[in-house]
């Protein structure tokens, strides 16, 4: 007897066809839901009624004051948090080099001549030193392991701040110990979202590198080449800003229990639809407030430190500026986490669908 092989082949073909049909059906369903959530269509005009969503937020200063008030009401736990991670960073990664800072200060004084004379000259010198500190000019050379430690410590500071705020606003009594032990659950998911954020910043980084190369070659002297460069650089920068607006919110969404990283990015994208520019302006405000805070704090500290060490040269090797820089960095992460988390809560509280 000859077996009926064609019947088996026909059954296998039907199973494959059904499998492919189910997959395409799922893809169509996912795409239909996506289009229902996102009213905007690429390369098509979107009517204003289809993309505008309400977002009731206090003014920039009022909201910053609100964030500061919330953090200050629980200053003990947040200051201890910043102190803990600053000490941990000092142990695991190290602090900036005091020797390099002293050498830089002496070199600046010797080479500046009469440029930094008078009170405004001292402010200018302090500002230049601050710019060098912020750009890592006095940082010690770190190994790959130390760089990984630094990134993990920054993520843990972020996660602990968000965990503490979430429980505080839920009227739960928490201790720093609880945050340190319980906040690290979404560490891997947060790390993946942070990697996506870094990738999304690549267009802006390319624009900065292109600007350096164009300046060195004289391409920006004028003419059509300069105009085309600035158009391209502006588009790359706008693209990065467009992407990171939702990803910054995703850094909060991903801390929810059971949340996966790319699901968090999708959810955050749904939250910012129709509000992207307003949320982006708030994120830029965070960056501006951090820059202003660093200038307001560090420039007087640098000037006072130089004055004191001028009176007592024996204090030259005391790493005052590196220690304050490390502490201010930890406070900056806590402030940014608090601001973004409270902004996220305001967005969720007014989570209406696009018209």
Protein backbone atom coordinates (compact mmCIF):
# COMPACT_ATOMS: atom_id res chain seq x y z
CA UNK A 1 0.00 0.00 0.00
CA UNK A 2 1.26 3.46 -0.85
CA UNK A 3 0.78 6.11 1.88
CA UNK A 4 -1.20 9.21 0.95
CA UNK A 5 1.60 11.73 1.48
CA UNK A 6 -0.18 14.61 -0.34
CA UNK A 7 -2.88 14.65 2.35
CA UNK A 8 -0.26 15.22 5.09
CA UNK A 9 1.43 17.93 3.03
CA UNK A 10 -1.92 19.63 2.52
CA UNK A 11 -2.60 19.61 6.28
CA UNK A 12 0.84 21.11 7.04
CA UNK A 13 0.29 23.82 4.44
CA UNK A 14 -3.07 24.68 6.00
CA UNK A 15 -1.48 24.97 9.47
CA UNK A 16 1.20 27.29 8.12
CA UNK A 17 -1.42 29.38 6.34
CA UNK A 18 -3.53 29.63 9.50
CA UNK A 19 -0.44 30.59 11.54
CA UNK A 20 0.52 33.34 9.09
CA UNK A 21 -3.07 34.58 8.96
CA UNK A 22 -3.23 34.80 12.77
CA UNK A 23 0.02 36.72 12.91
CA UNK A 24 -1.12 39.23 10.30
CA UNK A 25 -4.46 39.55 12.10
CA UNK A 26 -2.66 40.37 15.37
CA UNK A 27 -0.43 42.88 13.58
CA UNK A 28 -3.49 44.59 12.04
CA UNK A 29 -5.19 44.70 15.46
CA UNK A 30 -2.12 46.22 17.12
CA UNK A 31 -1.75 48.75 14.31
CA UNK A 32 -5.46 49.68 14.50
CA UNK A 33 -5.19 50.28 18.25
CA UNK A 34 -2.03 52.31 17.73
CA UNK A 35 -3.69 54.53 15.13
CA UNK A 36 -6.67 54.98 17.45
CA UNK A 37 -4.36 56.19 20.24
CA UNK A 38 -2.26 58.42 17.99
CA UNK A 39 -4.40 60.77 15.87
CA UNK A 40 -1.40 62.26 14.06
CA UNK A 41 -0.36 60.74 10.73
CA UNK A 42 3.07 61.26 9.20
CA UNK A 43 3.12 63.54 6.15
CA UNK A 44 -0.56 64.33 6.57
CA UNK A 45 -2.16 67.48 7.90
CA UNK A 46 -3.66 66.92 11.35
CA UNK A 47 -6.50 69.16 12.41
CA UNK A 48 -6.01 70.94 15.70
CA UNK A 49 -9.08 69.34 17.25
CA UNK A 50 -7.51 65.92 16.69
CA UNK A 51 -4.24 66.46 18.53
CA UNK A 52 -4.79 69.02 21.28
CA UNK A 53 -5.20 67.57 24.80
CA UNK A 54 -5.72 69.39 28.02
CA UNK A 55 -2.85 69.57 30.49
CA UNK A 56 -3.51 71.66 33.55
CA UNK A 57 -0.18 72.60 35.10
CA UNK A 58 0.89 75.44 37.39
CA UNK A 59 3.32 78.02 36.04
CA UNK A 60 7.01 77.21 35.75
CA UNK A 61 7.97 78.96 38.98
CA UNK A 62 4.88 77.73 40.81
CA UNK A 63 5.47 74.12 39.87
CA UNK A 64 9.17 74.34 40.77
CA UNK A 65 8.15 75.76 44.14
CA UNK A 66 5.69 72.90 44.57
CA UNK A 67 8.40 70.31 43.86
CA UNK A 68 10.79 72.04 46.24
CA UNK A 69 8.07 72.18 48.90
CA UNK A 70 7.37 68.45 48.64
CA UNK A 71 11.05 67.58 48.85
CA UNK A 72 11.67 70.05 51.69
CA UNK A 73 8.81 68.65 53.76
CA UNK A 74 10.73 65.38 53.79
CA UNK A 75 14.19 66.92 53.66
CA UNK A 76 15.68 64.50 56.15
CA UNK A 77 15.13 61.40 54.04
CA UNK A 78 16.11 63.06 50.74
CA UNK A 79 19.24 64.71 52.15
CA UNK A 80 20.26 61.37 53.66
CA UNK A 81 19.61 59.77 50.27
CA UNK A 82 21.86 62.28 48.49
CA UNK A 83 24.52 61.90 51.17
CA UNK A 84 24.41 58.09 51.01
CA UNK A 85 24.87 57.92 47.25
CA UNK A 86 27.52 60.66 47.30
CA UNK A 87 29.55 58.66 49.81
CA UNK A 88 28.96 55.48 47.81
CA UNK A 89 30.16 57.23 44.66
CA UNK A 90 33.24 58.51 46.46
CA UNK A 91 34.09 54.99 47.61
CA UNK A 92 33.26 53.07 44.41
CA UNK A 93 34.17 55.64 41.74
CA UNK A 94 36.26 58.31 43.48
CA UNK A 95 36.06 62.09 43.46
CA UNK A 96 37.56 64.72 41.19
CA UNK A 97 41.25 65.37 41.47
CA UNK A 98 42.15 68.21 43.85
CA UNK A 99 45.69 68.29 42.39
CA UNK A 100 44.32 68.84 38.88
CA UNK A 101 42.00 71.56 40.16
CA UNK A 102 44.84 73.35 41.96
CA UNK A 103 47.06 73.14 38.88
CA UNK A 104 44.26 74.46 36.69
CA UNK A 105 43.65 77.39 39.06
CA UNK A 106 47.34 78.31 39.18
CA UNK A 107 47.69 78.04 35.40
CA UNK A 108 44.64 80.23 34.86
CA UNK A 109 45.99 82.92 37.16
CA UNK A 110 49.44 82.88 35.52
CA UNK A 111 48.24 82.94 31.91
CA UNK A 112 45.27 85.31 32.23
CA UNK A 113 47.38 88.40 32.93
CA UNK A 114 45.09 91.38 33.57
CA UNK A 115 42.09 89.69 32.01
CA UNK A 116 40.60 88.50 35.33
CA UNK A 117 41.21 91.62 37.43
CA UNK A 118 38.56 93.15 39.70
CA UNK A 119 35.36 91.68 41.07
CA UNK A 120 33.88 90.84 37.68
CA UNK A 121 37.18 89.26 36.71
CA UNK A 122 36.99 86.94 39.71
CA UNK A 123 33.46 85.97 38.74
CA UNK A 124 34.66 85.30 35.19
CA UNK A 125 37.53 83.17 36.45
CA UNK A 126 35.17 81.23 38.72
CA UNK A 127 32.75 80.73 35.84
CA UNK A 128 35.53 79.33 33.65
CA UNK A 129 36.56 76.97 36.45
CA UNK A 130 32.93 75.89 36.86
CA UNK A 131 32.67 75.19 33.13
CA UNK A 132 35.79 73.04 33.35
CA UNK A 133 34.42 71.17 36.37
CA UNK A 134 31.04 70.56 34.68
CA UNK A 135 32.73 69.24 31.53
CA UNK A 136 34.79 66.77 33.57
CA UNK A 137 38.05 68.65 33.17
CA UNK A 138 39.26 67.80 36.68
CA UNK A 139 37.84 64.29 36.88
CA UNK A 140 40.22 61.43 37.42
CA UNK A 141 40.66 58.83 34.70
CA UNK A 142 38.18 56.09 35.55
CA UNK A 143 38.25 52.45 34.58
CA UNK A 144 35.40 50.75 32.75
CA UNK A 145 34.28 49.17 36.02
CA UNK A 146 34.17 52.58 37.73
CA UNK A 147 32.12 54.00 34.85
CA UNK A 148 29.62 51.14 35.24
CA UNK A 149 29.48 51.79 38.99
CA UNK A 150 28.81 55.48 38.37
CA UNK A 151 25.94 54.69 36.00
CA UNK A 152 24.39 52.16 38.36
CA UNK A 153 24.65 54.54 41.32
CA UNK A 154 22.95 57.31 39.32
CA UNK A 155 20.13 54.92 38.35
CA UNK A 156 19.74 53.76 41.95
CA UNK A 157 19.55 57.36 43.15
CA UNK A 158 16.82 58.01 40.58
CA UNK A 159 14.86 54.86 41.46
CA UNK A 160 15.10 55.45 45.21
CA UNK A 161 13.90 59.04 44.82
CA UNK A 162 10.90 57.92 42.74
CA UNK A 163 10.06 55.09 45.16
CA UNK A 164 10.18 57.40 48.17
CA UNK A 165 8.03 60.05 46.49
CA UNK A 166 5.45 57.51 45.32
CA UNK A 167 5.01 56.16 48.83
CA UNK A 168 5.13 59.57 50.50
CA UNK A 169 2.35 60.89 48.27
CA UNK A 170 0.39 57.73 49.05
CA UNK A 171 0.49 58.86 52.71
CA UNK A 172 2.75 55.98 53.72
CA UNK A 173 5.39 56.41 56.36
CA UNK A 174 8.72 55.43 54.84
CA UNK A 175 12.35 55.35 55.84
CA UNK A 176 15.42 55.65 53.68
CA UNK A 177 16.22 52.02 54.44
CA UNK A 178 12.91 50.98 52.85
CA UNK A 179 13.72 52.90 49.68
CA UNK A 180 17.23 51.45 49.43
CA UNK A 181 15.97 47.88 49.81
CA UNK A 182 12.78 48.05 47.74
CA UNK A 183 13.45 50.48 44.90
CA UNK A 184 15.88 48.38 42.86
CA UNK A 185 13.30 45.94 41.43
CA UNK A 186 12.95 47.77 38.06
CA UNK A 187 16.72 48.39 37.75
CA UNK A 188 17.20 46.37 34.56
CA UNK A 189 14.05 47.82 32.95
CA UNK A 190 15.14 51.36 33.85
CA UNK A 191 18.61 50.64 32.46
CA UNK A 192 17.09 49.59 29.13
CA UNK A 193 14.95 52.74 28.95
CA UNK A 194 18.05 54.83 29.78
CA UNK A 195 19.91 53.13 26.92
CA UNK A 196 17.04 54.03 24.57
CA UNK A 197 17.30 57.63 25.80
CA UNK A 198 21.03 57.67 25.02
CA UNK A 199 20.38 56.30 21.52
CA UNK A 200 17.74 58.97 20.95
CA UNK A 201 20.30 61.65 21.83
CA UNK A 202 22.65 60.46 19.06
CA UNK A 203 21.22 62.83 16.38
CA UNK A 204 21.94 65.79 18.66
CA UNK A 205 25.43 64.43 19.37
CA UNK A 206 26.03 64.11 15.63
CA UNK A 207 24.99 67.75 15.20
CA UNK A 208 27.46 68.83 17.91
CA UNK A 209 30.30 66.82 16.36
CA UNK A 210 29.45 68.20 12.94
CA UNK A 211 29.53 71.73 14.37
CA UNK A 212 33.04 71.14 15.76
CA UNK A 213 34.25 69.80 12.44
CA UNK A 214 32.58 72.59 10.47
CA UNK A 215 34.08 75.26 12.74
CA UNK A 216 37.56 73.77 12.33
CA UNK A 217 37.30 73.69 8.54
CA UNK A 218 35.73 77.15 8.15
CA UNK A 219 32.49 75.80 6.72
CA UNK A 220 30.45 78.16 8.89
CA UNK A 221 32.05 81.29 7.48
CA UNK A 222 28.92 81.99 5.48
CA UNK A 223 27.13 81.14 2.29
CA UNK A 224 24.88 78.29 1.25
CA UNK A 225 27.00 75.67 3.04
CA UNK A 226 26.48 77.40 6.38
CA UNK A 227 22.73 77.68 5.83
CA UNK A 228 22.42 74.01 4.88
CA UNK A 229 24.48 72.98 7.90
CA UNK A 230 22.30 74.90 10.35
CA UNK A 231 19.14 73.48 8.78
CA UNK A 232 20.46 69.93 9.11
CA UNK A 233 21.75 70.52 12.66
CA UNK A 234 18.41 72.02 13.70
CA UNK A 235 16.48 69.06 12.30
CA UNK A 236 18.74 66.57 14.11
CA UNK A 237 18.33 68.48 17.38
CA UNK A 238 14.55 68.67 17.01
CA UNK A 239 14.44 64.94 16.27
CA UNK A 240 16.31 64.13 19.51
CA UNK A 241 14.11 66.48 21.54
CA UNK A 242 10.98 64.95 19.99
CA UNK A 243 12.08 61.45 20.96
CA UNK A 244 13.34 62.10 24.48
CA UNK A 245 10.18 63.95 25.58
CA UNK A 246 8.29 60.70 26.00
CA UNK A 247 11.32 58.65 27.06
CA UNK A 248 11.98 60.89 30.07
CA UNK A 249 8.41 60.21 31.21
CA UNK A 250 9.03 56.51 30.49
CA UNK A 251 11.78 56.58 33.14
CA UNK A 252 8.96 57.07 35.65
CA UNK A 253 6.42 54.76 34.01
CA UNK A 254 8.91 51.87 34.00
CA UNK A 255 9.07 51.94 37.81
CA UNK A 256 5.45 50.75 38.05
CA UNK A 257 5.13 47.14 39.25
CA UNK A 258 5.20 44.59 36.42
CA UNK A 259 6.02 47.19 33.76
CA UNK A 260 8.29 46.17 30.88
CA UNK A 261 10.68 48.74 29.34
CA UNK A 262 9.26 48.98 25.82
CA UNK A 263 5.73 48.85 27.16
CA UNK A 264 6.71 51.81 29.38
CA UNK A 265 8.03 53.70 26.34
CA UNK A 266 4.77 53.00 24.48
CA UNK A 267 2.66 54.10 27.45
CA UNK A 268 4.68 57.27 27.90
CA UNK A 269 4.27 58.01 24.19
CA UNK A 270 0.50 57.74 24.59
CA UNK A 271 0.62 60.12 27.57
CA UNK A 272 2.46 62.87 25.69
CA UNK A 273 0.36 62.79 22.51
CA UNK A 274 -1.05 66.26 21.97
CA UNK A 275 1.07 67.65 24.83
CA UNK A 276 4.60 66.99 23.62
CA UNK A 277 5.68 70.63 23.27
CA UNK A 278 4.32 71.61 26.68
CA UNK A 279 6.03 68.65 28.37
CA UNK A 280 9.26 69.32 26.45
CA UNK A 281 9.27 72.91 27.71
CA UNK A 282 8.98 71.60 31.28
CA UNK A 283 11.92 69.26 30.70
CA UNK A 284 13.99 72.12 29.30
CA UNK A 285 12.97 74.14 32.37
CA UNK A 286 14.39 71.39 34.60
CA UNK A 287 17.70 71.59 32.75
CA UNK A 288 17.73 75.39 32.98
CA UNK A 289 16.96 75.34 36.72
CA UNK A 290 19.79 72.86 37.31
CA UNK A 291 22.25 75.02 35.38
CA UNK A 292 21.21 78.13 37.29
CA UNK A 293 21.47 76.30 40.62
CA UNK A 294 24.99 75.14 39.81
CA UNK A 295 26.04 78.67 38.86
CA UNK A 296 24.43 80.23 41.96
CA UNK A 297 26.02 77.68 44.31
CA UNK A 298 29.38 76.88 42.76
CA UNK A 299 30.66 80.31 41.70
CA UNK A 300 30.46 81.78 45.25
CA UNK A 301 31.93 78.54 46.66
CA UNK A 302 34.86 78.68 44.23
CA UNK A 303 35.51 82.34 45.09
CA UNK A 304 35.27 81.73 48.87
CA UNK A 305 37.47 78.64 48.61
CA UNK A 306 40.16 80.60 46.73
CA UNK A 307 39.98 83.42 49.29
CA UNK A 308 40.30 81.06 52.29
CA UNK A 309 43.16 79.10 50.77
CA UNK A 310 44.87 82.41 49.96
CA UNK A 311 44.82 83.21 53.69
CA UNK A 312 45.81 79.69 54.79
CA UNK A 313 48.00 78.02 52.13
CA UNK A 314 48.13 74.86 54.27
CA UNK A 315 44.58 74.10 53.12
CA UNK A 316 45.60 73.83 49.45
CA UNK A 317 45.31 70.03 49.42
CA UNK A 318 41.87 69.91 51.06
CA UNK A 319 39.45 68.72 48.29
CA UNK A 320 36.67 71.22 49.04
CA UNK A 321 35.49 71.75 45.45
CA UNK A 322 35.53 68.03 44.48
CA UNK A 323 33.48 67.12 47.57
CA UNK A 324 30.93 69.89 47.00
CA UNK A 325 30.71 68.92 43.32
CA UNK A 326 29.97 65.32 44.26
CA UNK A 327 27.31 66.34 46.80
CA UNK A 328 25.68 68.76 44.35
CA UNK A 329 25.59 66.04 41.68
CA UNK A 330 23.65 63.72 44.01
CA UNK A 331 21.23 66.53 44.93
CA UNK A 332 20.76 67.27 41.23
CA UNK A 333 19.66 63.69 40.52
CA UNK A 334 17.22 63.79 43.46
CA UNK A 335 15.80 67.12 42.28
CA UNK A 336 15.42 65.95 38.66
CA UNK A 337 13.75 62.70 39.74
CA UNK A 338 11.34 64.58 42.00
CA UNK A 339 10.46 67.11 39.31
CA UNK A 340 9.86 64.51 36.58
CA UNK A 341 7.85 62.25 38.90
CA UNK A 342 5.55 65.06 40.03
CA UNK A 343 5.21 66.20 36.42
CA UNK A 344 4.22 62.63 35.49
CA UNK A 345 1.55 62.63 38.19
CA UNK A 346 0.11 65.87 36.81
CA UNK A 347 0.01 64.40 33.32
CA UNK A 348 -1.69 61.21 34.52
CA UNK A 349 -4.19 63.18 36.59
CA UNK A 350 -5.33 64.94 33.40
CA UNK A 351 -5.17 61.87 31.18
CA UNK A 352 -7.94 62.55 28.70
CA UNK A 353 -7.93 61.03 25.23
CA UNK A 354 -7.25 63.23 22.19
CA UNK A 355 -10.43 64.69 20.68
